Amino acid sequence: MDQDDLPSLPATAAATLIADGTLSPVALLDAYLARTAALDTSVHAWQHVDETGARATARERESEARAGRRRGPLHGVPVGIKDVLHVASMITTCGAAPAFHLRPVEDAPAVARLRAAGAVVVGKTHTTEFAYFEPGPTGNPWNVAHTPGGSSSGSAAAVAARMVPLALGTQTVGSVLRPAAYCGVVGFKGTYGLVPTAGVVPLAWSFDHVGIFARRVGDVTVTASVLAQRPLEAPAAAAPRLALVPELLERATPDVAAQVRAAAASFTRAGATVHEVKLPASFSALHAAGRIVLEVEAAAYHEALHRAHAEEYRPRTRELIAAGLARPAVDYVRAQRERLAFRADVAPLLAEYDALLSPTAPSTAPEGLGATGDPWFCAPWSFAGVPACSLPSAVSSSGLPHAVQLVSAHGHDASLLAVAAWCERVLDFSGSPSIGWR
């Protein structure tokens, strides 16, 4: 295979070629590093590329592969890590001022599990400040004048631009699924707690999830199994039962709503059933409740740092912390009760269907890099702690990707990924960002 074609390989396909001796991990890494060098001056996906360390690891993986020793299903596969997860010997900047930088001496468990499965850590991808709303420098590979979303902006952009086949992100509100949608890749965050968040700088402990970016659902499934340390492969899904909530579509732009309807029609033609349903009444209070929990928990983590370095936070982050510090405890307790009430109320609906289908975001990626877009469609499932997946579904008339979101019941991670794989086959999305692509 020509080196220029290597970045188009799915992660699992690359791992298979490495295992059978057809592909060198060094050659694979070289192809991705060459692409990064050519494109990242425009995309700005990376906070830090550890070229020396990645090459040393790739050489080690190559020696192991030649000796017939394979560490795991990601042996020799390059990965990017969002810069809120600790990677030993790399500074964790959190997209923030130097006063807040951390120098970890060990990997976050999620990173350690990737290494144990044979992955090659390439470096740290850009994040918004402390994974909140102050953007980093990253542009969208489909059009660098548009946002890639946040807060896992660099991870989504790096995968979309074929700088790595896999990357880790985090989601507290919509920080994996929305960037995946805007950048035309697959994004997945599992049930709350499926992947450990130790070694991740928190935004809100009640909502923080570690998530995955890839270009195919199969790659996400293998990676999620590595991170969860248990198999998440489910039998091939039969045509699924899907739920569609018309009231959610009203929040989207007309073209996004029409595209979700079109995807639902494609699923129906392929044998799925799609039923229109309503969300429980407790949904009406959920977004406000989640915002209060977010404010208070962010303030709890940042209290001492804020006291010492308030002026070194950017405005939106500083305002979030100040709002949380001013919240009465009774507001926090009430908000937690409201979001847990929704989680309980929506559970029977999610259990009745294989997945709930909705937009991932209300529009395609907005123009400008001063904001990261609206997480409204993703937030409920972060607040409820249930698994969700974003799939690219079409390319809009403006040349930006559309996406659909699939949500399932608590603990149904494997079955959701099987449904996502079925939907992926039906959608047959093959679009690629124009930047640097032949």
Protein backbone atom coordinates (compact mmCIF):
# COMPACT_ATOMS: atom_id res chain seq x y z
CA MET A 1 0.00 0.00 0.00
CA ASP A 2 1.26 3.48 -0.91
CA GLN A 3 2.26 5.56 2.13
CA ASP A 4 -0.18 8.29 1.11
CA ASP A 5 -3.02 5.76 1.40
CA LEU A 6 -2.14 4.51 4.88
CA PRO A 7 -3.99 7.27 6.76
CA SER A 8 -7.25 6.11 5.19
CA LEU A 9 -6.98 2.68 6.85
CA PRO A 10 -9.43 1.93 9.68
CA ALA A 11 -7.59 1.32 12.94
CA THR A 12 -8.61 -2.33 13.17
CA ALA A 13 -7.56 -2.97 9.56
CA ALA A 14 -4.15 -1.46 10.29
CA ALA A 15 -3.80 -3.60 13.41
CA THR A 16 -4.61 -6.73 11.38
CA LEU A 17 -2.00 -5.86 8.75
CA ILE A 18 0.57 -5.25 11.49
CA ALA A 19 -0.26 -8.57 13.10
CA ASP A 20 0.22 -10.54 9.89
CA GLY A 21 3.46 -8.74 9.04
CA THR A 22 2.11 -6.84 6.03
CA LEU A 23 2.39 -3.38 7.60
CA SER A 24 5.12 -1.83 9.69
CA PRO A 25 4.03 0.22 12.73
CA VAL A 26 6.89 2.59 11.92
CA ALA A 27 5.67 3.10 8.35
CA LEU A 28 2.13 3.66 9.62
CA LEU A 29 3.27 6.25 12.15
CA ASP A 30 5.45 7.95 9.53
CA ALA A 31 2.43 8.35 7.26
CA TYR A 32 0.39 9.97 10.00
CA LEU A 33 3.25 12.22 11.12
CA ALA A 34 3.82 13.36 7.53
CA ARG A 35 0.15 14.23 7.21
CA THR A 36 0.22 16.06 10.53
CA ALA A 37 3.26 18.09 9.47
CA ALA A 38 1.53 19.03 6.22
CA LEU A 39 -1.87 19.95 7.65
CA ASP A 40 -1.64 20.99 11.26
CA THR A 41 -0.44 24.49 10.47
CA SER A 42 -4.00 24.97 9.14
CA VAL A 43 -6.06 22.70 11.41
CA HIS A 44 -4.20 23.18 14.73
CA ALA A 45 -5.41 19.87 16.16
CA TRP A 46 -2.33 19.22 18.31
CA GLN A 47 -1.15 20.83 21.51
CA HIS A 48 1.95 18.61 21.49
CA VAL A 49 3.24 15.95 19.11
CA ASP A 50 5.72 13.63 20.80
CA GLU A 51 7.45 12.55 17.62
CA THR A 52 10.51 11.15 19.39
CA GLY A 53 8.52 9.13 21.92
CA ALA A 54 6.01 7.89 19.35
CA ARG A 55 8.76 6.72 17.01
CA ALA A 56 10.48 4.84 19.83
CA THR A 57 7.22 3.11 20.73
CA ALA A 58 6.47 2.29 17.10
CA ARG A 59 9.91 0.67 16.71
CA GLU A 60 9.25 -1.37 19.84
CA ARG A 61 5.84 -2.48 18.53
CA GLU A 62 7.46 -3.44 15.24
CA SER A 63 10.05 -5.61 16.98
CA GLU A 64 7.33 -7.26 19.03
CA ALA A 65 5.20 -7.92 15.96
CA ARG A 66 8.14 -9.50 14.12
CA ALA A 67 8.69 -11.77 17.11
CA GLY A 68 5.03 -12.78 17.09
CA ARG A 69 4.22 -10.88 20.27
CA ARG A 70 1.06 -8.82 20.00
CA ARG A 71 0.08 -6.79 23.04
CA GLY A 72 -3.55 -6.43 22.10
CA PRO A 73 -6.04 -5.41 19.41
CA LEU A 74 -4.51 -1.94 18.91
CA HIS A 75 -0.92 -3.13 18.51
CA GLY A 76 0.98 -0.46 16.58
CA VAL A 77 -2.03 1.84 16.07
CA PRO A 78 -1.37 5.60 16.62
CA VAL A 79 -3.74 7.47 18.95
CA GLY A 80 -4.23 11.05 20.11
CA ILE A 81 -5.13 12.04 23.67
CA LYS A 82 -7.20 15.07 24.65
CA ASP A 83 -5.15 17.45 26.76
CA VAL A 84 -7.18 16.97 29.94
CA LEU A 85 -6.09 13.34 30.32
CA HIS A 86 -2.76 12.70 32.00
CA VAL A 87 -0.01 11.18 29.89
CA ALA A 88 3.20 10.41 31.73
CA SER A 89 6.01 12.84 30.83
CA MET A 90 3.68 15.17 28.90
CA ILE A 91 2.35 18.41 30.38
CA THR A 92 -1.41 18.50 30.87
CA THR A 93 -2.27 22.08 29.89
CA CYS A 94 -6.09 21.81 29.86
CA GLY A 95 -5.97 24.55 27.21
CA ALA A 96 -5.30 26.98 30.07
CA ALA A 97 -2.67 29.45 31.26
CA PRO A 98 0.71 28.14 32.52
CA ALA A 99 -0.30 28.64 36.17
CA PHE A 100 -2.72 25.73 35.75
CA HIS A 101 -0.43 23.27 33.95
CA LEU A 102 0.16 19.86 35.51
CA ARG A 103 3.13 17.52 35.10
CA PRO A 104 1.88 13.97 35.60
CA VAL A 105 4.23 11.13 36.37
CA GLU A 106 1.85 8.38 35.30
CA ASP A 107 -0.78 7.78 32.67
CA ALA A 108 -4.49 8.11 33.30
CA PRO A 109 -5.96 4.57 33.43
CA ALA A 110 -7.65 5.08 30.06
CA VAL A 111 -4.29 5.95 28.48
CA ALA A 112 -2.56 3.06 30.26
CA ARG A 113 -5.17 0.66 28.87
CA LEU A 114 -4.55 1.89 25.33
CA ARG A 115 -0.81 1.35 25.77
CA ALA A 116 -1.39 -2.12 27.22
CA ALA A 117 -3.39 -2.95 24.07
CA GLY A 118 -0.40 -1.92 21.95
CA ALA A 119 -1.39 1.61 20.91
CA VAL A 120 1.21 4.25 20.08
CA VAL A 121 0.49 7.57 21.83
CA VAL A 122 1.32 10.35 19.37
CA GLY A 123 0.64 13.33 21.61
CA LYS A 124 -1.92 15.66 23.18
CA THR A 125 -4.76 17.23 21.22
CA HIS A 126 -6.12 20.72 21.81
CA THR A 127 -9.04 21.25 24.16
CA THR A 128 -11.09 24.25 25.12
CA GLU A 129 -10.03 25.81 28.42
CA PHE A 130 -10.69 23.20 31.14
CA ALA A 131 -13.04 21.40 28.71
CA TYR A 132 -15.59 24.22 28.93
CA PHE A 133 -16.62 26.84 26.35
CA GLU A 134 -13.51 29.00 25.77
CA PRO A 135 -12.26 27.71 22.39
CA GLY A 136 -8.80 26.55 21.50
CA PRO A 137 -7.14 27.29 18.14
CA THR A 138 -8.47 24.25 16.25
CA GLY A 139 -10.36 24.66 12.97
CA ASN A 140 -12.74 22.22 11.30
CA PRO A 141 -10.97 20.12 8.64
CA TRP A 142 -14.03 20.40 6.39
CA ASN A 143 -13.69 24.20 6.45
CA VAL A 144 -11.16 25.72 8.82
CA ALA A 145 -13.26 28.88 9.11
CA HIS A 146 -15.88 26.82 10.98
CA THR A 147 -15.71 25.45 14.52
CA PRO A 148 -14.79 21.80 15.05
CA GLY A 149 -16.93 21.86 18.19
CA GLY A 150 -15.69 21.50 21.72
CA SER A 151 -14.34 20.67 24.05
CA SER A 152 -12.63 17.69 22.39
CA SER A 153 -11.93 19.84 19.36
CA GLY A 154 -8.40 18.65 18.61
CA SER A 155 -9.24 14.96 18.92
CA ALA A 156 -12.19 15.20 16.53
CA ALA A 157 -10.24 17.28 14.03
CA ALA A 158 -7.18 15.03 14.15
CA VAL A 159 -9.27 11.96 13.32
CA ALA A 160 -11.26 13.77 10.63
CA ALA A 161 -8.08 15.07 8.98
CA ARG A 162 -6.50 11.59 9.05
CA MET A 163 -3.71 12.60 11.43
CA VAL A 164 -4.55 9.58 13.62
CA PRO A 165 -7.16 6.85 13.25
CA LEU A 166 -8.25 7.04 16.90
CA ALA A 167 -8.36 9.65 19.64
CA LEU A 168 -9.68 10.01 23.16
CA GLY A 169 -11.88 12.88 24.26
CA THR A 170 -14.07 13.67 27.23
CA GLN A 171 -17.70 14.68 27.46
CA THR A 172 -19.38 16.49 30.33
CA VAL A 173 -22.22 18.05 28.32
CA GLY A 174 -21.63 17.51 24.59
CA SER A 175 -17.88 17.47 24.16
CA VAL A 176 -17.45 14.19 22.26
CA LEU A 177 -20.65 13.84 20.27
CA ARG A 178 -20.89 17.43 19.01
CA PRO A 179 -17.28 17.62 17.70
CA ALA A 180 -17.78 14.22 16.09
CA ALA A 181 -20.88 15.53 14.33
CA TYR A 182 -19.25 18.75 13.18
CA CYS A 183 -16.12 16.95 11.94
CA GLY A 184 -17.86 14.04 10.21
CA VAL A 185 -16.48 11.19 12.35
CA VAL A 186 -17.91 8.64 14.75
CA GLY A 187 -18.08 9.70 18.40
CA PHE A 188 -19.04 7.50 21.33
CA LYS A 189 -19.40 8.01 25.05
CA GLY A 190 -20.53 5.03 27.03
CA THR A 191 -22.57 4.59 30.16
CA TYR A 192 -21.33 6.79 32.98
CA GLY A 193 -18.41 4.97 34.62
CA LEU A 194 -17.80 2.53 31.76
CA VAL A 195 -14.35 4.08 31.26
CA PRO A 196 -12.50 5.34 34.36
CA THR A 197 -12.10 9.10 34.69
CA ALA A 198 -9.18 8.89 37.12
CA GLY A 199 -6.30 10.92 35.74
CA VAL A 200 -8.72 13.25 33.92
CA VAL A 201 -8.87 16.88 35.04
CA PRO A 202 -12.55 17.15 35.98
CA LEU A 203 -15.16 19.61 34.86
CA ALA A 204 -18.15 18.11 36.72
CA TRP A 205 -17.70 14.73 38.40
CA SER A 206 -21.36 13.76 38.04
CA PHE A 207 -21.23 14.09 34.25
CA ASP A 208 -17.65 13.51 33.10
CA HIS A 209 -17.18 10.67 30.59
CA VAL A 210 -14.17 9.52 28.58
CA GLY A 211 -15.14 9.08 24.93
CA ILE A 212 -13.73 7.86 21.64
CA PHE A 213 -13.33 9.27 18.13
CA ALA A 214 -12.80 7.10 15.06
CA ARG A 215 -13.95 6.94 11.48
CA ARG A 216 -15.76 3.60 11.79
CA VAL A 217 -18.01 2.10 14.45
CA GLY A 218 -15.94 -1.09 14.43
CA ASP A 219 -12.87 0.85 15.54
CA VAL A 220 -14.88 2.50 18.32
CA THR A 221 -16.16 -0.87 19.49
CA VAL A 222 -12.69 -2.40 19.75
CA THR A 223 -11.33 0.67 21.52
CA ALA A 224 -14.26 0.83 23.93
CA SER A 225 -13.67 -2.82 24.79
CA VAL A 226 -10.04 -2.03 25.57
CA LEU A 227 -10.98 0.95 27.74
CA ALA A 228 -13.77 -0.88 29.56
CA GLN A 229 -11.64 -4.02 29.95
CA ARG A 230 -14.51 -6.19 28.85
CA PRO A 231 -15.87 -7.23 25.44
CA LEU A 232 -18.38 -4.84 23.91
CA GLU A 233 -18.81 -6.79 20.71
CA ALA A 234 -22.48 -7.72 20.36
CA PRO A 235 -24.01 -10.09 17.80
CA ALA A 236 -24.76 -8.39 14.51
CA ALA A 237 -27.88 -6.36 15.09
CA ALA A 238 -31.08 -7.26 13.34
CA ALA A 239 -33.05 -4.34 11.97
CA PRO A 240 -33.52 -2.25 15.11
CA ARG A 241 -36.51 -0.67 16.80
CA LEU A 242 -35.86 3.07 16.90
CA ALA A 243 -37.63 5.87 18.73
CA LEU A 244 -37.93 9.37 17.26
CA VAL A 245 -38.99 12.39 19.32
CA PRO A 246 -40.65 15.00 17.07
CA GLU A 247 -40.34 17.73 19.71
CA LEU A 248 -36.55 17.41 19.55
CA LEU A 249 -36.54 18.05 15.82
CA GLU A 250 -38.26 21.39 16.43
CA ARG A 251 -35.05 22.59 18.11
CA ALA A 252 -32.97 21.87 14.98
CA THR A 253 -32.60 23.88 11.80
CA PRO A 254 -34.95 22.78 9.00
CA ASP A 255 -32.16 21.12 7.01
CA VAL A 256 -30.94 19.15 10.04
CA ALA A 257 -34.49 18.06 10.92
CA ALA A 258 -35.08 17.02 7.31
CA GLN A 259 -31.83 15.07 7.24
CA VAL A 260 -32.73 13.16 10.41
CA ARG A 261 -36.12 12.36 8.89
CA ALA A 262 -34.35 11.19 5.74
CA ALA A 263 -32.06 8.95 7.78
CA ALA A 264 -35.08 7.52 9.59
CA ALA A 265 -36.70 6.78 6.22
CA SER A 266 -33.54 5.00 5.06
CA PHE A 267 -33.53 2.90 8.22
CA THR A 268 -37.19 2.01 7.67
CA ARG A 269 -36.55 0.94 4.09
CA ALA A 270 -33.74 -1.28 5.37
CA GLY A 271 -36.10 -3.02 7.78
CA ALA A 272 -36.01 -0.95 10.98
CA THR A 273 -39.12 0.24 12.74
CA VAL A 274 -39.27 3.90 13.73
CA HIS A 275 -41.88 5.00 16.26
CA GLU A 276 -42.57 8.58 17.26
CA VAL A 277 -42.53 8.99 21.05
CA LYS A 278 -42.55 11.69 23.72
CA LEU A 279 -39.99 12.32 26.41
CA PRO A 280 -41.17 12.34 30.05
CA ALA A 281 -42.37 15.59 31.59
CA SER A 282 -39.24 15.78 33.74
CA PHE A 283 -37.26 16.58 30.58
CA SER A 284 -38.47 20.18 30.80
CA ALA A 285 -36.36 20.87 33.91
CA LEU A 286 -33.30 18.88 32.88
CA HIS A 287 -31.13 21.43 31.09
CA ALA A 288 -31.46 24.00 33.87
CA ALA A 289 -30.75 21.38 36.51
CA GLY A 290 -27.69 20.14 34.66
CA ARG A 291 -26.35 23.66 34.38
CA ILE A 292 -26.53 24.12 38.16
CA VAL A 293 -24.73 20.84 38.83
CA LEU A 294 -22.07 21.81 36.31
CA GLU A 295 -21.52 25.21 37.92
CA VAL A 296 -21.23 23.89 41.45
CA GLU A 297 -18.99 20.93 40.68
CA ALA A 298 -16.68 23.03 38.51
CA ALA A 299 -16.45 25.56 41.34
CA ALA A 300 -15.69 22.82 43.85
CA TYR A 301 -12.69 21.66 41.82
CA HIS A 302 -11.42 25.15 40.98
CA GLU A 303 -12.11 26.95 44.26
CA ALA A 304 -8.51 27.21 45.50
CA LEU A 305 -7.10 27.82 42.01
CA HIS A 306 -9.69 30.51 41.42
CA ARG A 307 -8.82 32.20 44.68
CA ALA A 308 -5.13 32.33 43.70
CA HIS A 309 -5.37 32.88 39.94
CA ALA A 310 -8.82 34.26 39.11
CA GLU A 311 -7.54 36.68 36.48
CA GLU A 312 -5.71 33.93 34.62
CA TYR A 313 -8.94 32.18 33.67
CA ARG A 314 -10.60 33.25 30.46
CA PRO A 315 -13.95 35.06 30.90
CA ARG A 316 -16.46 32.24 30.33
CA THR A 317 -14.58 29.83 32.58
CA ARG A 318 -14.18 32.45 35.28
CA GLU A 319 -17.92 33.22 35.10
CA LEU A 320 -18.80 29.52 35.41
CA ILE A 321 -16.70 29.14 38.56
CA ALA A 322 -18.01 32.36 40.10
CA ALA A 323 -21.61 31.26 39.46
CA GLY A 324 -20.95 27.92 41.15
CA LEU A 325 -19.32 29.52 44.16
CA ALA A 326 -22.41 31.72 44.60
CA ARG A 327 -24.95 28.86 44.39
CA PRO A 328 -26.75 27.86 47.60
CA ALA A 329 -26.36 24.20 48.53
CA VAL A 330 -30.12 23.70 48.33
CA ASP A 331 -30.03 24.63 44.62
CA TYR A 332 -27.43 21.93 43.98
CA VAL A 333 -29.40 19.26 45.85
CA ARG A 334 -32.60 20.20 44.06
CA ALA A 335 -30.87 20.11 40.68
CA GLN A 336 -29.40 16.68 41.37
CA ARG A 337 -32.82 15.38 42.33
CA GLU A 338 -34.33 16.80 39.12
CA ARG A 339 -31.75 15.24 36.84
CA LEU A 340 -31.98 11.88 38.66
CA ALA A 341 -35.76 12.04 38.28
CA PHE A 342 -35.34 12.39 34.52
CA ARG A 343 -32.87 9.51 34.46
CA ALA A 344 -35.43 7.29 36.19
CA ASP A 345 -38.35 8.54 34.09
CA VAL A 346 -36.63 8.04 30.73
CA ALA A 347 -35.26 4.58 31.55
CA PRO A 348 -38.41 2.63 30.54
CA LEU A 349 -38.58 4.46 27.21
CA LEU A 350 -34.94 3.76 26.40
CA ALA A 351 -35.34 0.12 27.45
CA GLU A 352 -38.31 -0.32 25.11
CA TYR A 353 -36.29 0.56 22.00
CA ASP A 354 -32.90 -0.39 20.65
CA ALA A 355 -32.01 3.29 20.33
CA LEU A 356 -33.47 6.76 20.34
CA LEU A 357 -32.70 8.67 17.14
CA SER A 358 -32.16 12.44 17.12
CA PRO A 359 -29.91 15.16 15.75
CA THR A 360 -26.52 15.36 17.41
CA ALA A 361 -26.45 19.14 17.05
CA PRO A 362 -29.03 21.71 15.96
CA SER A 363 -27.03 22.69 12.87
CA THR A 364 -23.92 21.81 10.96
CA ALA A 365 -20.70 23.37 12.26
CA PRO A 366 -21.24 27.11 12.73
CA GLU A 367 -18.90 29.58 11.08
CA GLY A 368 -16.25 31.19 13.26
CA LEU A 369 -13.86 29.97 15.94
CA GLY A 370 -15.08 32.17 18.77
CA ALA A 371 -17.60 29.61 20.01
CA THR A 372 -17.93 25.82 19.88
CA GLY A 373 -21.61 25.33 19.09
CA ASP A 374 -24.71 24.24 20.97
CA PRO A 375 -24.57 21.03 23.08
CA TRP A 376 -28.33 20.99 23.77
CA PHE A 377 -29.03 17.67 22.00
CA CYS A 378 -26.15 15.86 23.71
CA ALA A 379 -26.61 17.24 27.24
CA PRO A 380 -29.57 15.07 28.35
CA TRP A 381 -27.63 11.86 27.85
CA SER A 382 -24.57 13.16 29.70
CA PHE A 383 -26.81 14.25 32.56
CA ALA A 384 -28.57 10.86 32.58
CA GLY A 385 -25.32 8.93 32.16
CA VAL A 386 -26.58 6.71 29.33
CA PRO A 387 -24.59 5.65 26.26
CA ALA A 388 -24.75 7.73 23.08
CA CYS A 389 -23.12 7.63 19.66
CA SER A 390 -22.89 10.16 16.83
CA LEU A 391 -22.68 8.95 13.23
CA PRO A 392 -21.91 11.03 10.15
CA SER A 393 -24.88 10.70 7.84
CA ALA A 394 -24.59 13.03 4.83
CA VAL A 395 -22.84 16.10 3.48
CA SER A 396 -24.86 19.31 3.51
CA SER A 397 -25.24 21.72 0.60
CA SER A 398 -22.62 23.91 2.31
CA GLY A 399 -20.08 21.06 2.21
CA LEU A 400 -20.20 20.36 5.96
CA PRO A 401 -21.19 17.00 7.45
CA HIS A 402 -24.57 16.13 8.92
CA ALA A 403 -24.86 13.59 11.76
CA VAL A 404 -27.41 11.61 13.70
CA GLN A 405 -27.29 10.67 17.38
CA LEU A 406 -28.26 7.27 18.77
CA VAL A 407 -28.97 6.84 22.49
CA SER A 408 -29.68 3.68 24.46
CA ALA A 409 -30.47 2.52 27.97
CA HIS A 410 -28.03 2.52 30.87
CA GLY A 411 -25.54 -0.32 30.49
CA HIS A 412 -26.57 -1.13 26.91
CA ASP A 413 -23.22 -0.08 25.46
CA ALA A 414 -22.59 -3.22 23.40
CA SER A 415 -26.07 -3.31 21.92
CA LEU A 416 -25.94 0.41 21.09
CA LEU A 417 -22.67 -0.07 19.22
CA ALA A 418 -24.23 -2.98 17.31
CA VAL A 419 -27.18 -0.77 16.34
CA ALA A 420 -24.75 2.00 15.37
CA ALA A 421 -22.86 -0.43 13.14
CA TRP A 422 -26.15 -1.43 11.46
CA CYS A 423 -27.09 2.21 10.92
CA GLU A 424 -23.61 2.98 9.62
CA ARG A 425 -24.00 0.31 6.94
CA VAL A 426 -27.34 1.77 5.88
CA LEU A 427 -26.12 5.36 5.81
CA ASP A 428 -22.98 4.33 3.88
CA PHE A 429 -21.31 7.66 4.57
CA SER A 430 -18.12 8.10 2.58
CA GLY A 431 -17.47 11.83 2.74
CA SER A 432 -14.04 13.21 3.56
CA PRO A 433 -12.89 16.72 4.43
CA SER A 434 -11.30 18.45 1.49
CA ILE A 435 -8.21 19.63 3.36
CA GLY A 436 -5.12 17.83 2.15
CA TRP A 437 -7.12 14.96 0.68
CA ARG A 438 -6.45 13.56 -2.76
